[in-house]
Protein backbone atom coordinates (compact mmCIF):
# COMPACT_ATOMS: atom_id res chain seq x y z
CA UNK A 1 0.43 -11.10 -12.53
CA UNK A 2 -1.60 -8.45 -10.71
CA UNK A 3 -3.28 -11.29 -8.77
CA UNK A 4 -0.25 -11.39 -6.49
CA UNK A 5 -1.73 -8.40 -4.63
CA UNK A 6 -4.89 -10.40 -3.89
CA UNK A 7 -2.96 -13.10 -2.02
CA UNK A 8 -2.57 -12.94 1.77
CA UNK A 9 0.88 -11.51 2.40
CA UNK A 10 1.99 -14.42 4.59
CA UNK A 11 1.67 -16.79 1.62
CA UNK A 12 4.15 -14.75 -0.42
CA UNK A 13 6.59 -14.31 2.47
CA UNK A 14 6.54 -17.94 3.62
CA UNK A 15 6.96 -19.13 0.03
CA UNK A 16 9.95 -16.84 -0.56
CA UNK A 17 11.50 -17.86 2.77
CA UNK A 18 11.16 -21.61 2.11
CA UNK A 19 12.47 -21.28 -1.44
CA UNK A 20 15.39 -19.16 -0.27
CA UNK A 21 16.16 -21.64 2.51
CA UNK A 22 15.97 -24.52 0.05
CA UNK A 23 18.28 -22.67 -2.34
CA UNK A 24 20.73 -22.10 0.53
CA UNK A 25 20.77 -25.80 1.28
CA UNK A 26 21.33 -26.70 -2.38
CA UNK A 27 24.07 -24.06 -2.62
CA UNK A 28 25.69 -25.44 0.54
CA UNK A 29 25.77 -28.99 -0.80
CA UNK A 30 27.08 -27.87 -4.16
CA UNK A 31 29.76 -25.72 -2.53
CA UNK A 32 30.91 -28.54 -0.29
CA UNK A 33 31.10 -31.10 -3.13
CA UNK A 34 32.59 -28.78 -5.77
CA UNK A 35 35.38 -26.82 -4.18
CA UNK A 36 36.50 -23.77 -6.17
CA UNK A 37 40.21 -23.78 -7.08
CA UNK A 38 42.30 -21.20 -5.32
CA UNK A 39 42.98 -19.43 -8.63
CA UNK A 40 39.24 -18.88 -9.21
CA UNK A 41 38.21 -18.11 -5.63
CA UNK A 42 38.67 -14.35 -5.99
CA UNK A 43 36.43 -14.26 -9.09
CA UNK A 44 33.69 -16.31 -7.40
CA UNK A 45 33.87 -14.14 -4.29
CA UNK A 46 33.55 -10.98 -6.41
CA UNK A 47 30.48 -12.35 -8.24
CA UNK A 48 28.92 -13.46 -4.96
CA UNK A 49 29.52 -10.10 -3.30
CA UNK A 50 28.17 -8.22 -6.32
CA UNK A 51 25.01 -10.33 -6.37
CA UNK A 52 24.34 -9.79 -2.67
CA UNK A 53 25.00 -6.06 -3.15
CA UNK A 54 22.53 -5.97 -6.05
CA UNK A 55 19.85 -7.65 -3.92
CA UNK A 56 20.50 -5.13 -1.12
CA UNK A 57 20.20 -2.29 -3.63
CA UNK A 58 16.91 -3.65 -4.99
CA UNK A 59 15.52 -4.05 -1.48
CA UNK A 60 16.59 -0.50 -0.63
CA UNK A 61 14.97 1.02 -3.72
CA UNK A 62 11.81 -1.05 -3.22
CA UNK A 63 11.61 0.07 0.42
CA UNK A 64 11.91 3.73 -0.55
CA UNK A 65 9.23 3.38 -3.25
CA UNK A 66 6.67 1.53 -1.15
CA UNK A 67 7.24 3.59 2.02
CA UNK A 68 6.82 6.79 -0.02
CA UNK A 69 3.59 5.45 -1.49
CA UNK A 70 2.39 4.53 2.00
CA UNK A 71 3.05 8.12 3.12
CA UNK A 72 1.08 9.37 0.10
CA UNK A 73 -1.89 7.21 1.07
CA UNK A 74 -1.72 8.44 4.67
CA UNK A 75 -1.54 12.08 3.52
CA UNK A 76 -4.57 11.57 1.25
CA UNK A 77 -6.64 10.33 4.20
CA UNK A 78 -5.89 13.54 6.10
CA UNK A 79 -6.46 15.71 2.99
CA UNK A 80 -9.80 14.05 2.31
CA UNK A 81 -10.90 14.44 5.92
CA UNK A 82 -10.02 18.16 5.77
CA UNK A 83 -11.86 18.60 2.47
CA UNK A 84 -14.99 16.87 3.74
CA UNK A 85 -14.90 18.86 6.99
CA UNK A 86 -14.52 22.16 5.11
CA UNK A 87 -17.39 21.34 2.75
CA UNK A 88 -19.54 20.26 5.69
CA UNK A 89 -18.95 23.53 7.56
CA UNK A 90 -19.56 25.70 4.48
CA UNK A 91 -22.77 23.82 3.74
CA UNK A 92 -24.07 25.19 7.04
CA UNK A 93 -24.14 28.66 5.46
CA UNK A 94 -26.65 27.54 2.83
CA UNK A 95 -30.42 27.63 3.08
CA UNK A 96 -32.60 24.54 3.18
CA UNK A 97 -33.00 22.08 1.57
CA UNK A 98 -29.47 22.33 0.10
CA UNK A 99 -27.97 22.48 3.60
CA UNK A 100 -29.41 19.15 4.73
CA UNK A 101 -28.89 17.43 1.38
CA UNK A 102 -25.18 18.28 1.21
CA UNK A 103 -24.49 17.46 4.85
CA UNK A 104 -26.37 14.15 4.66
CA UNK A 105 -24.45 13.23 1.51
CA UNK A 106 -21.13 14.01 3.19
CA UNK A 107 -22.00 11.90 6.24
CA UNK A 108 -23.02 8.98 4.04
CA UNK A 109 -19.91 9.34 1.89
CA UNK A 110 -17.66 9.25 4.98
CA UNK A 111 -19.38 6.07 6.19
CA UNK A 112 -18.94 4.44 2.78
CA UNK A 113 -15.28 5.51 2.59
CA UNK A 114 -14.44 3.97 5.97
CA UNK A 115 -16.39 0.82 5.10
CA UNK A 116 -14.49 0.54 1.81
CA UNK A 117 -11.21 0.50 3.72
CA UNK A 118 -12.38 -2.01 6.31
CA UNK A 119 -14.08 -4.39 3.86
CA UNK A 120 -12.31 -3.44 0.62
CA UNK A 121 -10.16 -6.58 0.47
CA UNK A 122 -13.05 -8.31 -1.29
CA UNK A 123 -13.09 -6.83 -4.85
CA UNK A 124 -16.86 -7.28 -5.23
CA UNK A 125 -17.57 -5.61 -1.91
CA UNK A 126 -15.26 -2.74 -2.79
CA UNK A 127 -16.97 -2.23 -6.17
CA UNK A 128 -20.36 -2.17 -4.44
CA UNK A 129 -19.15 0.43 -1.95
CA UNK A 130 -17.45 2.42 -4.73
CA UNK A 131 -20.76 2.58 -6.61
CA UNK A 132 -22.45 3.80 -3.43
CA UNK A 133 -19.76 6.47 -2.98
CA UNK A 134 -20.19 7.66 -6.57
CA UNK A 135 -23.97 7.85 -6.14
CA UNK A 136 -23.53 9.80 -2.90
CA UNK A 137 -21.15 12.26 -4.58
CA UNK A 138 -23.77 12.74 -7.32
CA UNK A 139 -26.30 13.63 -4.61
CA UNK A 140 -23.75 16.01 -3.10
CA UNK A 141 -23.23 17.79 -6.40
CA UNK A 142 -26.99 17.93 -7.01
CA UNK A 143 -27.31 19.73 -3.68
CA UNK A 144 -24.59 22.20 -4.68
CA UNK A 145 -26.35 22.81 -8.01
CA UNK A 146 -29.61 23.42 -6.19
CA UNK A 147 -27.91 25.88 -3.87
CA UNK A 148 -26.40 27.75 -6.80
CA UNK A 149 -29.82 28.13 -8.35
CA UNK A 150 -31.31 29.32 -5.07
CA UNK A 151 -28.74 31.89 -4.07
CA UNK A 152 -25.73 32.31 -6.37
CA UNK A 153 -24.07 35.11 -4.38
CA UNK A 154 -24.14 33.17 -1.11
CA UNK A 155 -22.59 30.10 -2.75
CA UNK A 156 -19.81 32.16 -4.29
CA UNK A 157 -19.13 33.85 -0.96
CA UNK A 158 -19.03 30.56 0.97
CA UNK A 159 -16.95 28.81 -1.70
CA UNK A 160 -19.07 25.70 -1.45
CA UNK A 161 -18.42 24.83 -5.11
CA UNK A 162 -14.61 24.45 -4.83
CA UNK A 163 -15.01 22.65 -1.50
CA UNK A 164 -17.34 20.09 -3.07
CA UNK A 165 -15.05 19.79 -6.08
CA UNK A 166 -12.11 18.97 -3.84
CA UNK A 167 -14.06 16.19 -2.11
CA UNK A 168 -14.93 14.64 -5.48
CA UNK A 169 -11.36 15.00 -6.80
CA UNK A 170 -9.81 13.43 -3.70
CA UNK A 171 -12.26 10.53 -3.93
CA UNK A 172 -11.06 9.80 -7.46
CA UNK A 173 -7.42 10.13 -6.37
CA UNK A 174 -7.86 7.65 -3.52
CA UNK A 175 -9.51 5.12 -5.83
CA UNK A 176 -6.64 5.47 -8.28
CA UNK A 177 -3.85 5.15 -5.70
CA UNK A 178 -5.56 2.06 -4.25
CA UNK A 179 -4.80 0.27 -7.53
CA UNK A 180 -1.31 1.77 -7.88
CA UNK A 181 1.17 -0.82 -6.63
CA UNK A 182 4.77 -1.68 -7.30
CA UNK A 183 4.77 -3.52 -10.68
CA UNK A 184 4.31 -7.29 -10.18
CA UNK A 185 7.32 -7.94 -12.42
CA UNK A 186 9.48 -6.07 -9.90
CA UNK A 187 8.06 -8.17 -7.06
CA UNK A 188 8.84 -11.39 -8.94
CA UNK A 189 12.35 -10.14 -9.75
CA UNK A 190 12.89 -9.24 -6.09
CA UNK A 191 11.76 -12.72 -5.00
CA UNK A 192 14.02 -14.44 -7.52
CA UNK A 193 16.96 -12.28 -6.45
CA UNK A 194 16.45 -13.24 -2.80
CA UNK A 195 16.37 -16.92 -3.74
CA UNK A 196 19.57 -16.62 -5.82
CA UNK A 197 21.18 -14.68 -2.97
CA UNK A 198 20.27 -17.52 -0.60
CA UNK A 199 21.85 -20.05 -2.96
CA UNK A 200 25.08 -18.06 -3.17
CA UNK A 201 25.23 -17.65 0.61
CA UNK A 202 24.77 -21.40 1.02
CA UNK A 203 27.52 -21.98 -1.54
CA UNK A 204 29.89 -19.79 0.48
CA UNK A 205 29.08 -21.74 3.66
CA UNK A 206 29.62 -25.00 1.79
CA UNK A 207 33.08 -23.88 0.73
CA UNK A 208 33.88 -23.01 4.34
CA UNK A 209 33.13 -26.59 5.35
CA UNK A 210 30.91 -26.87 8.47
CA UNK A 211 27.16 -26.30 8.32
CA UNK A 212 26.24 -23.06 10.14
CA UNK A 213 22.48 -23.60 10.51
CA UNK A 214 21.92 -20.50 12.65
CA UNK A 215 23.81 -18.28 10.25
CA UNK A 216 21.90 -19.66 7.26
CA UNK A 217 18.53 -19.28 8.97
CA UNK A 218 19.33 -15.82 10.31
CA UNK A 219 20.52 -14.46 6.97
CA UNK A 220 17.50 -15.76 5.05
CA UNK A 221 15.10 -14.61 7.76
CA UNK A 222 16.59 -11.09 7.79
CA UNK A 223 16.31 -10.72 4.02
CA UNK A 224 12.74 -12.04 4.00
CA UNK A 225 11.73 -9.72 6.86
CA UNK A 226 12.90 -6.72 4.82
CA UNK A 227 10.93 -8.06 1.84
CA UNK A 228 7.89 -8.43 4.12
CA UNK A 229 8.04 -4.77 5.12
CA UNK A 230 8.41 -3.75 1.46
CA UNK A 231 5.33 -5.78 0.43
CA UNK A 232 3.36 -4.76 3.52
CA UNK A 233 3.87 -1.06 2.79
CA UNK A 234 2.34 -1.65 -0.65
CA UNK A 235 -0.81 -3.35 0.71
CA UNK A 236 -2.65 -0.83 2.93
CA UNK A 237 -5.55 -3.23 3.61
CA UNK A 238 -3.51 -6.36 4.34
CA UNK A 239 -0.76 -7.27 6.75
CA UNK A 240 0.44 -5.36 9.79
CA UNK A 241 1.14 -1.87 8.39
CA UNK A 242 -2.17 -0.21 7.64
CA UNK A 243 -3.06 3.35 6.70
CA UNK A 244 -4.44 5.15 9.75
CA UNK A 245 -8.05 6.22 9.21
CA UNK A 246 -8.27 8.25 12.43
CA UNK A 247 -8.87 11.64 10.69
CA UNK A 248 -11.96 10.26 8.91
CA UNK A 249 -13.19 8.45 12.02
CA UNK A 250 -12.90 11.63 14.10
CA UNK A 251 -14.60 13.61 11.34
CA UNK A 252 -17.49 11.13 11.20
CA UNK A 253 -18.00 11.42 14.97
CA UNK A 254 -17.98 15.23 14.81
CA UNK A 255 -20.52 15.25 11.95
CA UNK A 256 -22.81 12.89 13.81
CA UNK A 257 -22.73 15.09 16.89
CA UNK A 258 -23.42 18.32 14.97
């Protein structure tokens, strides 16, 4: 089920929209051919309203969850850029060769991190870049270890050890949150709810009599657009809403010029 996050987002959205539209048409035809008796109309209306309200509630909760996760990913980019910049500046207080080794490792790590975001849609490419990032962090820590052996008091004073630790910790956190999506079962349930909601809306239009094509299209399109935003928030490398990498890009430029 996790494979749903490897699909292009337009496939999921177009599929949900067409299925919801088809369900609306089926509901319309059923509603027009099977009129509900006046004694049961209130019950059917209550069920229909409750179902649409449930779908709205699910969309609302899903929006809050995915938008919050998007904000977490954006905050991590800024935190990682700050941690790398701090470690890079503190490395300048160390003597050679630890100074150059740590700074070179940080520059390479930043390049790999930005490349992993730009080309990370391909799982194999992301794994290759992740291995490169891990190897670069190992070089970074080796430089810190060398600096500790060369001048322990200077390292303690400059706090290079906690700065390097924070870079490594944030790298692990970003790799973890990349794989942390809304559960696929919730996505499937949301899609099925939208389709059922479309069927019930079509049934209501069928009971009314005339076919309101614009109303049917507009309702389904509005629901699917909300679902698109929910799914797009949860896919930082796909779609239109992407996590801004400007802090890391600016950091890379400043490190190259220093």
